[in-house]
């Protein structure tokens, strides 16, 4: 099997994995475990099948500049989250109350773990692996950027149509940042900052 076929198979399998977990209707803890398993599978595939390292999906040594840039981007995205949530509520788009209540019922340490998992696994999958491998197949940065953003948005469908608007904009900003810097650590930090704040205040925003 040639490298392009291997890449295509891995992309389909890895990108479909979160949808499979949702289809199985696992409880929140098992879903989180499943997503960490996905991370392990991606890393094993890169090292033992592709014979490459995670530098091939944008991993670089963290620097103070990278950390500060990630924090800054995360805060910008969170501000966007607040603005869009207000607009979404004003125009009456659906936000999943069930999902918000599920998140609100979790402990703060568990919410932090959810934010960490989302930042690490989702950025490695959608920004790092998907972008780099689709770009290798298509030679188009815009196809490689747009396809993962669309899939990243759709995988959040259970949050309601309104939340998908924010996810699309946030995913697009993360992708543009990755395309600009090709630095996976930067977007992981940004995603973590956004989710840490959003997961803690989302129930209050929806109740207001």
N, C-alpha and C. Protein backbone atom coordinates (compact mmCIF):
# COMPACT_ATOMS: atom_id res chain seq x y z
N UNK A 1 0.85 -1.20 0.00
CA UNK A 1 0.00 0.00 0.00
C UNK A 1 0.88 1.26 0.00
N UNK A 2 0.62 2.20 -0.93
CA UNK A 2 1.47 3.39 -0.99
C UNK A 2 1.11 4.37 0.12
N UNK A 3 1.99 5.35 0.30
CA UNK A 3 1.84 6.30 1.41
C UNK A 3 0.56 7.12 1.32
N UNK A 4 0.15 7.49 0.11
CA UNK A 4 -1.08 8.29 -0.03
C UNK A 4 -2.31 7.51 0.43
N UNK A 5 -2.37 6.23 0.10
CA UNK A 5 -3.49 5.41 0.53
C UNK A 5 -3.49 5.25 2.05
N UNK A 6 -2.31 5.05 2.63
CA UNK A 6 -2.21 4.95 4.08
C UNK A 6 -2.68 6.24 4.74
N UNK A 7 -2.26 7.36 4.17
CA UNK A 7 -2.66 8.66 4.72
C UNK A 7 -4.16 8.85 4.64
N UNK A 8 -4.75 8.50 3.51
CA UNK A 8 -6.20 8.65 3.34
C UNK A 8 -6.97 7.77 4.32
N UNK A 9 -6.52 6.54 4.49
CA UNK A 9 -7.17 5.62 5.43
C UNK A 9 -7.09 6.15 6.85
N UNK A 10 -5.91 6.63 7.24
CA UNK A 10 -5.73 7.13 8.61
C UNK A 10 -6.59 8.37 8.84
N UNK A 11 -6.68 9.25 7.85
CA UNK A 11 -7.51 10.45 7.99
C UNK A 11 -8.97 10.09 8.20
N UNK A 12 -9.48 9.18 7.37
CA UNK A 12 -10.88 8.78 7.49
C UNK A 12 -11.13 8.14 8.86
N UNK A 13 -10.24 7.25 9.27
CA UNK A 13 -10.42 6.53 10.54
C UNK A 13 -10.36 7.48 11.73
N UNK A 14 -9.35 8.33 11.77
CA UNK A 14 -9.16 9.21 12.92
C UNK A 14 -10.26 10.28 12.99
N UNK A 15 -10.64 10.83 11.85
CA UNK A 15 -11.67 11.87 11.85
C UNK A 15 -13.06 11.29 12.14
N UNK A 16 -13.26 10.01 11.82
CA UNK A 16 -14.54 9.38 12.10
C UNK A 16 -14.66 8.92 13.56
N UNK A 17 -13.54 8.75 14.23
CA UNK A 17 -13.52 8.18 15.58
C UNK A 17 -14.40 8.94 16.58
N UNK A 18 -14.30 10.28 16.66
CA UNK A 18 -15.17 11.01 17.60
C UNK A 18 -16.65 10.84 17.30
N UNK A 19 -17.02 10.75 16.01
CA UNK A 19 -18.41 10.52 15.66
C UNK A 19 -18.87 9.14 16.13
N UNK A 20 -17.97 8.16 16.02
CA UNK A 20 -18.29 6.81 16.49
C UNK A 20 -18.55 6.81 18.00
N UNK A 21 -17.71 7.51 18.75
CA UNK A 21 -17.90 7.59 20.20
C UNK A 21 -19.24 8.22 20.54
N UNK A 22 -19.63 9.25 19.79
CA UNK A 22 -20.92 9.89 20.03
C UNK A 22 -22.07 8.96 19.65
N UNK A 23 -21.91 8.22 18.56
CA UNK A 23 -22.94 7.28 18.13
C UNK A 23 -23.19 6.21 19.18
N UNK A 24 -22.13 5.81 19.87
CA UNK A 24 -22.25 4.79 20.90
C UNK A 24 -22.93 5.31 22.17
N UNK A 25 -23.13 6.62 22.24
CA UNK A 25 -23.80 7.26 23.39
C UNK A 25 -23.14 6.87 24.72
N UNK A 26 -21.83 6.98 24.74
CA UNK A 26 -21.08 6.69 25.95
C UNK A 26 -21.32 7.78 26.98
N UNK A 27 -21.18 7.44 28.26
CA UNK A 27 -21.27 8.51 29.25
C UNK A 27 -20.02 9.39 29.15
N UNK A 28 -20.05 10.51 29.83
CA UNK A 28 -19.01 11.52 29.64
C UNK A 28 -17.61 10.98 29.96
N UNK A 29 -17.50 10.19 31.02
CA UNK A 29 -16.20 9.65 31.41
C UNK A 29 -15.65 8.72 30.34
N UNK A 30 -16.48 7.81 29.82
CA UNK A 30 -16.01 6.88 28.80
C UNK A 30 -15.68 7.61 27.50
N UNK A 31 -16.44 8.66 27.19
CA UNK A 31 -16.12 9.45 26.01
C UNK A 31 -14.74 10.07 26.14
N UNK A 32 -14.45 10.63 27.31
CA UNK A 32 -13.14 11.24 27.53
C UNK A 32 -12.02 10.21 27.40
N UNK A 33 -12.23 9.03 27.97
CA UNK A 33 -11.24 7.96 27.86
C UNK A 33 -11.03 7.57 26.39
N UNK A 34 -12.15 7.49 25.64
CA UNK A 34 -12.06 7.16 24.23
C UNK A 34 -11.26 8.18 23.44
N UNK A 35 -11.41 9.44 23.76
CA UNK A 35 -10.67 10.48 23.05
C UNK A 35 -9.18 10.44 23.38
N UNK A 36 -8.84 10.14 24.63
CA UNK A 36 -7.42 9.97 24.96
C UNK A 36 -6.84 8.76 24.23
N UNK A 37 -7.66 7.72 24.06
CA UNK A 37 -7.22 6.56 23.29
C UNK A 37 -6.92 6.96 21.86
N UNK A 38 -7.75 7.84 21.30
CA UNK A 38 -7.51 8.33 19.95
C UNK A 38 -6.15 9.02 19.84
N UNK A 39 -5.82 9.81 20.84
CA UNK A 39 -4.51 10.47 20.86
C UNK A 39 -3.38 9.45 20.79
N UNK A 40 -3.49 8.40 21.58
CA UNK A 40 -2.46 7.35 21.60
C UNK A 40 -2.36 6.68 20.23
N UNK A 41 -3.52 6.40 19.61
CA UNK A 41 -3.54 5.75 18.31
C UNK A 41 -2.87 6.63 17.24
N UNK A 42 -3.13 7.93 17.29
CA UNK A 42 -2.52 8.83 16.32
C UNK A 42 -1.00 8.84 16.47
N UNK A 43 -0.54 8.93 17.72
CA UNK A 43 0.91 8.96 17.97
C UNK A 43 1.56 7.66 17.52
N UNK A 44 0.95 6.52 17.86
CA UNK A 44 1.49 5.22 17.45
C UNK A 44 1.53 5.10 15.93
N UNK A 45 0.49 5.58 15.26
CA UNK A 45 0.45 5.53 13.81
C UNK A 45 1.58 6.36 13.21
N UNK A 46 1.76 7.57 13.74
CA UNK A 46 2.81 8.45 13.21
C UNK A 46 4.19 7.82 13.35
N UNK A 47 4.47 7.27 14.53
CA UNK A 47 5.81 6.75 14.79
C UNK A 47 6.07 5.38 14.15
N UNK A 48 5.08 4.49 14.19
CA UNK A 48 5.34 3.11 13.80
C UNK A 48 4.84 2.74 12.40
N UNK A 49 3.86 3.46 11.87
CA UNK A 49 3.39 3.18 10.51
C UNK A 49 3.97 4.19 9.53
N UNK A 50 3.85 5.47 9.86
CA UNK A 50 4.41 6.50 8.98
C UNK A 50 5.92 6.65 9.14
N UNK A 51 6.45 6.14 10.27
CA UNK A 51 7.89 6.26 10.55
C UNK A 51 8.33 7.72 10.60
N UNK A 52 7.48 8.53 11.23
CA UNK A 52 7.79 9.95 11.38
C UNK A 52 7.68 10.31 12.85
N UNK A 53 7.86 11.58 13.17
CA UNK A 53 7.70 12.05 14.54
C UNK A 53 6.59 13.09 14.60
N UNK A 54 6.24 13.51 15.81
CA UNK A 54 5.14 14.48 15.92
C UNK A 54 5.55 15.88 15.46
N UNK A 55 6.84 16.07 15.15
CA UNK A 55 7.21 17.33 14.50
C UNK A 55 6.57 17.44 13.12
N UNK A 56 6.17 16.29 12.56
CA UNK A 56 5.53 16.29 11.23
C UNK A 56 4.11 16.82 11.29
N UNK A 57 3.56 16.99 12.49
CA UNK A 57 2.21 17.58 12.62
C UNK A 57 2.28 18.88 13.42
N UNK A 58 3.42 19.54 13.35
CA UNK A 58 3.51 20.89 13.88
C UNK A 58 3.97 21.03 15.31
N UNK A 59 4.42 19.93 15.95
CA UNK A 59 4.88 20.08 17.33
C UNK A 59 6.26 20.72 17.36
N UNK A 60 6.40 21.79 18.14
CA UNK A 60 7.66 22.47 18.32
C UNK A 60 7.89 22.69 19.81
N UNK A 61 9.13 22.90 20.16
CA UNK A 61 9.46 23.16 21.56
C UNK A 61 8.74 24.43 22.03
N UNK A 62 8.13 24.33 23.21
CA UNK A 62 7.41 25.49 23.75
C UNK A 62 8.38 26.57 24.19
N UNK A 63 8.08 27.79 23.84
CA UNK A 63 8.86 28.94 24.27
C UNK A 63 7.93 29.90 25.02
N UNK A 64 8.51 30.87 25.70
CA UNK A 64 7.71 31.87 26.41
C UNK A 64 6.82 32.61 25.42
N UNK A 65 7.37 32.93 24.25
CA UNK A 65 6.59 33.64 23.22
C UNK A 65 5.40 32.80 22.77
N UNK A 66 5.62 31.50 22.58
CA UNK A 66 4.53 30.61 22.16
C UNK A 66 3.44 30.56 23.21
N UNK A 67 3.84 30.44 24.48
CA UNK A 67 2.87 30.36 25.57
C UNK A 67 2.05 31.64 25.66
N UNK A 68 2.72 32.79 25.62
CA UNK A 68 2.01 34.06 25.70
C UNK A 68 1.10 34.28 24.50
N UNK A 69 1.58 33.89 23.32
CA UNK A 69 0.74 34.02 22.11
C UNK A 69 -0.49 33.13 22.22
N UNK A 70 -0.32 31.92 22.75
CA UNK A 70 -1.43 31.01 22.92
C UNK A 70 -2.46 31.54 23.90
N UNK A 71 -1.98 32.09 25.02
CA UNK A 71 -2.89 32.68 26.01
C UNK A 71 -3.66 33.85 25.39
N UNK A 72 -2.94 34.69 24.65
CA UNK A 72 -3.59 35.83 24.01
C UNK A 72 -4.66 35.40 23.02
N UNK A 73 -4.35 34.43 22.19
CA UNK A 73 -5.32 33.94 21.22
C UNK A 73 -6.51 33.31 21.92
N UNK A 74 -6.25 32.57 22.99
CA UNK A 74 -7.34 31.96 23.73
C UNK A 74 -8.29 32.98 24.32
N UNK A 75 -7.75 34.07 24.83
CA UNK A 75 -8.61 35.13 25.39
C UNK A 75 -9.41 35.83 24.30
N UNK A 76 -8.80 36.03 23.14
CA UNK A 76 -9.52 36.63 22.02
C UNK A 76 -10.69 35.74 21.61
N UNK A 77 -10.44 34.43 21.52
CA UNK A 77 -11.50 33.51 21.13
C UNK A 77 -12.60 33.48 22.18
N UNK A 78 -12.22 33.56 23.46
CA UNK A 78 -13.24 33.57 24.50
C UNK A 78 -14.10 34.83 24.43
N UNK A 79 -13.48 35.97 24.14
CA UNK A 79 -14.26 37.21 23.97
C UNK A 79 -15.24 37.03 22.82
N UNK A 80 -14.76 36.41 21.73
CA UNK A 80 -15.64 36.11 20.60
C UNK A 80 -16.78 35.20 21.05
N UNK A 81 -16.46 34.24 21.91
CA UNK A 81 -17.47 33.32 22.45
C UNK A 81 -18.58 34.09 23.15
N UNK A 82 -18.20 35.05 23.99
CA UNK A 82 -19.18 35.84 24.72
C UNK A 82 -20.06 36.65 23.79
N UNK A 83 -19.43 37.28 22.79
CA UNK A 83 -20.18 38.10 21.84
C UNK A 83 -21.15 37.25 21.03
N UNK A 84 -20.66 36.14 20.48
CA UNK A 84 -21.49 35.28 19.65
C UNK A 84 -22.61 34.63 20.45
N UNK A 85 -22.32 34.26 21.71
CA UNK A 85 -23.37 33.66 22.54
C UNK A 85 -24.50 34.64 22.75
N UNK A 86 -24.17 35.91 22.98
CA UNK A 86 -25.18 36.94 23.16
C UNK A 86 -26.01 37.12 21.89
N UNK A 87 -25.33 37.16 20.74
CA UNK A 87 -26.01 37.32 19.46
C UNK A 87 -26.90 36.10 19.17
N UNK A 88 -26.35 34.90 19.42
CA UNK A 88 -27.10 33.66 19.17
C UNK A 88 -28.38 33.61 19.99
N UNK A 89 -28.27 34.01 21.26
CA UNK A 89 -29.45 34.03 22.11
C UNK A 89 -30.46 35.07 21.62
N UNK A 90 -29.95 36.21 21.17
CA UNK A 90 -30.83 37.31 20.74
C UNK A 90 -31.64 36.93 19.50
N UNK A 91 -31.04 36.15 18.59
CA UNK A 91 -31.75 35.79 17.36
C UNK A 91 -32.48 34.46 17.49
N UNK A 92 -32.34 33.81 18.65
CA UNK A 92 -33.14 32.63 18.94
C UNK A 92 -32.62 31.31 18.40
N UNK A 93 -31.32 31.24 18.05
CA UNK A 93 -30.77 29.95 17.61
C UNK A 93 -30.66 29.00 18.80
N UNK A 94 -30.80 27.71 18.50
CA UNK A 94 -30.84 26.70 19.55
C UNK A 94 -29.49 26.50 20.22
N UNK A 95 -29.48 26.49 21.55
CA UNK A 95 -28.33 26.07 22.35
C UNK A 95 -28.79 24.89 23.20
N UNK A 96 -28.00 23.84 23.23
CA UNK A 96 -28.42 22.62 23.93
C UNK A 96 -28.39 22.82 25.44
N UNK A 97 -29.57 22.92 26.04
CA UNK A 97 -29.65 23.06 27.48
C UNK A 97 -29.21 21.78 28.18
N UNK A 98 -29.50 20.64 27.54
CA UNK A 98 -29.13 19.34 28.13
C UNK A 98 -27.62 19.21 28.27
N UNK A 99 -26.89 19.60 27.21
CA UNK A 99 -25.43 19.54 27.26
C UNK A 99 -24.89 20.51 28.28
N UNK A 100 -25.46 21.72 28.35
CA UNK A 100 -25.00 22.70 29.32
C UNK A 100 -25.21 22.20 30.75
N UNK A 101 -26.34 21.56 30.99
CA UNK A 101 -26.61 21.04 32.33
C UNK A 101 -25.68 19.89 32.68
N UNK A 102 -25.34 19.06 31.67
CA UNK A 102 -24.39 17.98 31.91
C UNK A 102 -23.03 18.53 32.31
N UNK A 103 -22.58 19.56 31.60
CA UNK A 103 -21.29 20.17 31.93
C UNK A 103 -21.35 20.83 33.30
N UNK A 104 -22.46 21.52 33.58
CA UNK A 104 -22.59 22.24 34.85
C UNK A 104 -22.58 21.29 36.04
N UNK A 105 -22.97 20.03 35.81
CA UNK A 105 -23.02 19.07 36.90
C UNK A 105 -21.68 18.43 37.24
N UNK A 106 -20.64 18.78 36.50
CA UNK A 106 -19.32 18.18 36.74
C UNK A 106 -18.50 19.03 37.72
N UNK A 107 -17.56 18.36 38.36
CA UNK A 107 -16.67 19.07 39.29
C UNK A 107 -15.68 19.93 38.52
N UNK A 108 -15.14 20.94 39.18
CA UNK A 108 -14.16 21.82 38.53
C UNK A 108 -12.92 21.04 38.06
N UNK A 109 -12.35 20.12 38.88
CA UNK A 109 -11.20 19.35 38.39
C UNK A 109 -11.52 18.56 37.12
N UNK A 110 -12.73 17.97 37.06
CA UNK A 110 -13.09 17.20 35.87
C UNK A 110 -13.28 18.11 34.67
N UNK A 111 -13.83 19.30 34.88
CA UNK A 111 -13.96 20.26 33.79
C UNK A 111 -12.59 20.67 33.25
N UNK A 112 -11.64 20.82 34.14
CA UNK A 112 -10.28 21.16 33.72
C UNK A 112 -9.68 20.03 32.88
N UNK A 113 -9.97 18.79 33.27
CA UNK A 113 -9.48 17.64 32.50
C UNK A 113 -10.14 17.59 31.12
N UNK A 114 -11.44 17.93 31.07
CA UNK A 114 -12.13 17.99 29.78
C UNK A 114 -11.47 19.04 28.88
N UNK A 115 -11.18 20.20 29.47
CA UNK A 115 -10.55 21.27 28.69
C UNK A 115 -9.17 20.85 28.20
N UNK A 116 -8.42 20.15 29.05
CA UNK A 116 -7.09 19.68 28.66
C UNK A 116 -7.19 18.67 27.53
N UNK A 117 -8.13 17.73 27.66
CA UNK A 117 -8.30 16.72 26.61
C UNK A 117 -8.69 17.36 25.29
N UNK A 118 -9.65 18.30 25.36
CA UNK A 118 -10.09 18.97 24.14
C UNK A 118 -8.93 19.70 23.47
N UNK A 119 -8.15 20.41 24.26
CA UNK A 119 -7.04 21.18 23.72
C UNK A 119 -5.99 20.28 23.08
N UNK A 120 -5.63 19.22 23.77
CA UNK A 120 -4.54 18.35 23.29
C UNK A 120 -5.01 17.46 22.14
N UNK A 121 -6.09 16.72 22.36
CA UNK A 121 -6.52 15.74 21.37
C UNK A 121 -7.11 16.41 20.13
N UNK A 122 -8.00 17.37 20.32
CA UNK A 122 -8.66 18.00 19.17
C UNK A 122 -7.68 18.80 18.33
N UNK A 123 -6.76 19.50 18.96
CA UNK A 123 -5.79 20.26 18.17
C UNK A 123 -4.83 19.34 17.44
N UNK A 124 -4.42 18.24 18.08
CA UNK A 124 -3.55 17.29 17.38
C UNK A 124 -4.28 16.67 16.20
N UNK A 125 -5.57 16.35 16.38
CA UNK A 125 -6.33 15.71 15.31
C UNK A 125 -6.70 16.69 14.20
N UNK A 126 -7.38 17.79 14.54
CA UNK A 126 -7.95 18.67 13.53
C UNK A 126 -6.97 19.69 12.97
N UNK A 127 -6.12 20.26 13.80
CA UNK A 127 -5.18 21.26 13.32
C UNK A 127 -3.86 20.62 12.89
N UNK A 128 -3.29 19.75 13.70
CA UNK A 128 -2.00 19.16 13.37
C UNK A 128 -2.09 18.07 12.31
N UNK A 129 -2.64 16.92 12.71
CA UNK A 129 -2.64 15.76 11.81
C UNK A 129 -3.47 16.00 10.55
N UNK A 130 -4.71 16.41 10.72
CA UNK A 130 -5.60 16.55 9.55
C UNK A 130 -5.06 17.58 8.57
N UNK A 131 -4.65 18.74 9.08
CA UNK A 131 -4.15 19.77 8.16
C UNK A 131 -2.92 19.26 7.40
N UNK A 132 -1.94 18.77 8.12
CA UNK A 132 -0.68 18.38 7.48
C UNK A 132 -0.87 17.25 6.48
N UNK A 133 -1.70 16.27 6.83
CA UNK A 133 -1.86 15.13 5.93
C UNK A 133 -2.75 15.47 4.74
N UNK A 134 -3.80 16.27 4.94
CA UNK A 134 -4.63 16.68 3.81
C UNK A 134 -3.82 17.58 2.88
N UNK A 135 -2.99 18.44 3.45
CA UNK A 135 -2.12 19.29 2.63
C UNK A 135 -1.16 18.44 1.81
N UNK A 136 -0.63 17.38 2.42
CA UNK A 136 0.28 16.49 1.69
C UNK A 136 -0.43 15.81 0.51
N UNK A 137 -1.72 15.51 0.68
CA UNK A 137 -2.48 14.84 -0.38
C UNK A 137 -2.93 15.80 -1.47
N UNK A 138 -3.35 17.02 -1.06
CA UNK A 138 -3.98 17.94 -2.02
C UNK A 138 -3.07 19.07 -2.50
N UNK A 139 -2.03 19.36 -1.74
CA UNK A 139 -1.13 20.49 -2.02
C UNK A 139 -1.85 21.84 -1.94
N UNK A 140 -3.01 21.84 -1.28
CA UNK A 140 -3.78 23.08 -1.12
C UNK A 140 -3.94 23.38 0.36
N UNK A 141 -3.41 24.52 0.80
CA UNK A 141 -3.54 24.91 2.20
C UNK A 141 -4.99 25.18 2.55
N UNK A 142 -5.77 25.72 1.60
CA UNK A 142 -7.14 26.10 1.92
C UNK A 142 -8.06 24.89 2.03
N UNK A 143 -7.84 23.89 1.20
CA UNK A 143 -8.59 22.64 1.36
C UNK A 143 -8.19 21.98 2.67
N UNK A 144 -6.88 21.96 2.94
CA UNK A 144 -6.38 21.34 4.17
C UNK A 144 -6.84 22.08 5.41
N UNK A 145 -7.14 23.36 5.26
CA UNK A 145 -7.62 24.13 6.40
C UNK A 145 -9.13 24.04 6.57
N UNK A 146 -9.86 24.10 5.47
CA UNK A 146 -11.32 24.16 5.54
C UNK A 146 -11.95 22.83 5.93
N UNK A 147 -11.48 21.73 5.36
CA UNK A 147 -12.10 20.42 5.62
C UNK A 147 -12.06 20.07 7.12
N UNK A 148 -10.92 20.20 7.81
CA UNK A 148 -10.92 19.89 9.25
C UNK A 148 -11.81 20.83 10.07
N UNK A 149 -11.89 22.10 9.67
CA UNK A 149 -12.75 23.04 10.40
C UNK A 149 -14.21 22.62 10.29
N UNK A 150 -14.63 22.20 9.11
CA UNK A 150 -16.01 21.75 8.93
C UNK A 150 -16.29 20.51 9.77
N UNK A 151 -15.37 19.56 9.75
CA UNK A 151 -15.56 18.32 10.53
C UNK A 151 -15.53 18.63 12.02
N UNK A 152 -14.61 19.50 12.44
CA UNK A 152 -14.52 19.92 13.84
C UNK A 152 -15.84 20.56 14.29
N UNK A 153 -16.46 21.34 13.41
CA UNK A 153 -17.73 21.97 13.73
C UNK A 153 -18.84 20.92 13.85
N UNK A 154 -18.92 20.03 12.89
CA UNK A 154 -19.99 19.03 12.87
C UNK A 154 -19.93 18.08 14.06
N UNK A 155 -18.73 17.79 14.55
CA UNK A 155 -18.60 16.84 15.65
C UNK A 155 -19.18 17.42 16.95
N UNK A 156 -19.44 18.73 16.96
CA UNK A 156 -20.05 19.38 18.13
C UNK A 156 -21.57 19.55 17.97
N UNK A 157 -22.17 18.77 17.06
CA UNK A 157 -23.59 18.96 16.74
C UNK A 157 -24.51 18.82 17.95
N UNK A 158 -24.11 18.02 18.93
CA UNK A 158 -24.99 17.79 20.08
C UNK A 158 -25.16 19.03 20.95
N UNK A 159 -24.33 20.05 20.73
CA UNK A 159 -24.42 21.27 21.52
C UNK A 159 -25.51 22.21 21.01
N UNK A 160 -26.09 21.90 19.85
CA UNK A 160 -27.13 22.76 19.30
C UNK A 160 -26.60 23.64 18.17
N UNK A 161 -27.52 24.06 17.31
CA UNK A 161 -27.15 24.84 16.12
C UNK A 161 -26.44 26.13 16.51
N UNK A 162 -26.92 26.79 17.54
CA UNK A 162 -26.32 28.05 17.96
C UNK A 162 -24.85 27.91 18.31
N UNK A 163 -24.53 26.85 19.05
CA UNK A 163 -23.14 26.66 19.46
C UNK A 163 -22.24 26.34 18.27
N UNK A 164 -22.80 25.72 17.23
CA UNK A 164 -22.00 25.40 16.05
C UNK A 164 -21.46 26.65 15.38
N UNK A 165 -22.19 27.75 15.48
CA UNK A 165 -21.72 29.01 14.91
C UNK A 165 -20.41 29.41 15.59
N UNK A 166 -20.41 29.36 16.93
CA UNK A 166 -19.18 29.70 17.65
C UNK A 166 -18.06 28.72 17.34
N UNK A 167 -18.37 27.42 17.33
CA UNK A 167 -17.35 26.40 17.08
C UNK A 167 -16.70 26.63 15.72
N UNK A 168 -17.51 26.98 14.71
CA UNK A 168 -16.95 27.23 13.38
C UNK A 168 -15.99 28.41 13.40
N UNK A 169 -16.39 29.51 14.04
CA UNK A 169 -15.52 30.68 14.10
C UNK A 169 -14.26 30.39 14.91
N UNK A 170 -14.42 29.72 16.06
CA UNK A 170 -13.26 29.40 16.88
C UNK A 170 -12.32 28.45 16.15
N UNK A 171 -12.89 27.41 15.53
CA UNK A 171 -12.07 26.48 14.78
C UNK A 171 -11.33 27.15 13.64
N UNK A 172 -12.00 28.11 13.00
CA UNK A 172 -11.36 28.84 11.90
C UNK A 172 -10.19 29.68 12.41
N UNK A 173 -10.37 30.34 13.55
CA UNK A 173 -9.28 31.14 14.11
C UNK A 173 -8.11 30.27 14.53
N UNK A 174 -8.41 29.13 15.16
CA UNK A 174 -7.34 28.20 15.53
C UNK A 174 -6.60 27.71 14.29
N UNK A 175 -7.37 27.42 13.24
CA UNK A 175 -6.74 26.92 12.02
C UNK A 175 -5.89 27.98 11.34
N UNK A 176 -6.39 29.22 11.29
CA UNK A 176 -5.61 30.29 10.69
C UNK A 176 -4.31 30.53 11.47
N UNK A 177 -4.40 30.44 12.80
CA UNK A 177 -3.20 30.59 13.63
C UNK A 177 -2.22 29.46 13.34
N UNK A 178 -2.76 28.24 13.20
CA UNK A 178 -1.87 27.11 12.92
C UNK A 178 -1.24 27.25 11.53
N UNK A 179 -2.04 27.63 10.54
CA UNK A 179 -1.52 27.78 9.18
C UNK A 179 -0.44 28.85 9.12
N UNK A 180 -0.59 29.87 9.96
CA UNK A 180 0.38 30.97 9.98
C UNK A 180 1.69 30.57 10.64
N UNK A 181 1.59 29.88 11.78
CA UNK A 181 2.78 29.58 12.58
C UNK A 181 3.24 28.13 12.48
N UNK A 182 2.34 27.24 12.06
CA UNK A 182 2.60 25.78 12.03
C UNK A 182 3.16 25.33 13.38
N UNK A 183 2.51 25.80 14.44
CA UNK A 183 2.95 25.53 15.80
C UNK A 183 1.79 24.93 16.59
N UNK A 184 1.83 23.63 16.80
CA UNK A 184 0.73 22.92 17.45
C UNK A 184 0.56 23.35 18.90
N UNK A 185 1.67 23.60 19.59
CA UNK A 185 1.60 24.00 20.99
C UNK A 185 0.84 25.30 21.19
N UNK A 186 1.01 26.23 20.27
CA UNK A 186 0.33 27.53 20.37
C UNK A 186 -1.19 27.35 20.36
N UNK A 187 -1.70 26.56 19.41
CA UNK A 187 -3.16 26.41 19.32
C UNK A 187 -3.69 25.52 20.44
N UNK A 188 -2.88 24.60 20.93
CA UNK A 188 -3.30 23.81 22.10
C UNK A 188 -3.52 24.71 23.31
N UNK A 189 -2.59 25.61 23.55
CA UNK A 189 -2.71 26.54 24.68
C UNK A 189 -3.92 27.44 24.50
N UNK A 190 -4.10 27.96 23.29
CA UNK A 190 -5.25 28.84 23.02
C UNK A 190 -6.57 28.11 23.25
N UNK A 191 -6.66 26.88 22.77
CA UNK A 191 -7.88 26.08 22.94
C UNK A 191 -8.13 25.81 24.42
N UNK A 192 -7.08 25.51 25.17
CA UNK A 192 -7.23 25.22 26.60
C UNK A 192 -7.75 26.45 27.35
N UNK A 193 -7.16 27.60 27.06
CA UNK A 193 -7.60 28.83 27.73
C UNK A 193 -9.07 29.12 27.42
N UNK A 194 -9.44 28.99 26.15
CA UNK A 194 -10.83 29.23 25.75
C UNK A 194 -11.78 28.31 26.49
N UNK A 195 -11.46 27.02 26.50
CA UNK A 195 -12.37 26.04 27.10
C UNK A 195 -12.42 26.12 28.62
N UNK A 196 -11.29 26.41 29.24
CA UNK A 196 -11.29 26.54 30.70
C UNK A 196 -12.28 27.61 31.13
N UNK A 197 -12.22 28.75 30.47
CA UNK A 197 -13.11 29.83 30.84
C UNK A 197 -14.55 29.52 30.42
N UNK A 198 -14.72 29.03 29.19
CA UNK A 198 -16.07 28.79 28.67
C UNK A 198 -16.80 27.70 29.44
N UNK A 199 -16.10 26.63 29.80
CA UNK A 199 -16.75 25.54 30.52
C UNK A 199 -17.21 25.96 31.91
N UNK A 200 -16.54 26.94 32.48
CA UNK A 200 -16.90 27.38 33.82
C UNK A 200 -18.01 28.42 33.81
N UNK A 201 -18.14 29.17 32.71
CA UNK A 201 -19.16 30.23 32.68
C UNK A 201 -20.34 29.92 31.77
N UNK A 202 -20.24 28.86 30.91
CA UNK A 202 -21.31 28.56 29.98
C UNK A 202 -22.68 28.41 30.66
N UNK A 203 -22.81 27.64 31.74
CA UNK A 203 -24.13 27.53 32.36
C UNK A 203 -24.70 28.88 32.81
N UNK A 204 -23.85 29.75 33.33
CA UNK A 204 -24.32 31.07 33.77
C UNK A 204 -24.80 31.90 32.59
N UNK A 205 -24.07 31.80 31.44
CA UNK A 205 -24.47 32.55 30.25
C UNK A 205 -25.82 32.06 29.73
N UNK A 206 -26.03 30.77 29.76
CA UNK A 206 -27.27 30.20 29.23
C UNK A 206 -28.45 30.49 30.14
N UNK A 207 -28.19 30.66 31.44
CA UNK A 207 -29.27 30.92 32.39
C UNK A 207 -29.64 32.39 32.45
N UNK A 208 -28.73 33.26 31.98
CA UNK A 208 -28.96 34.71 32.09
C UNK A 208 -29.99 35.18 31.08
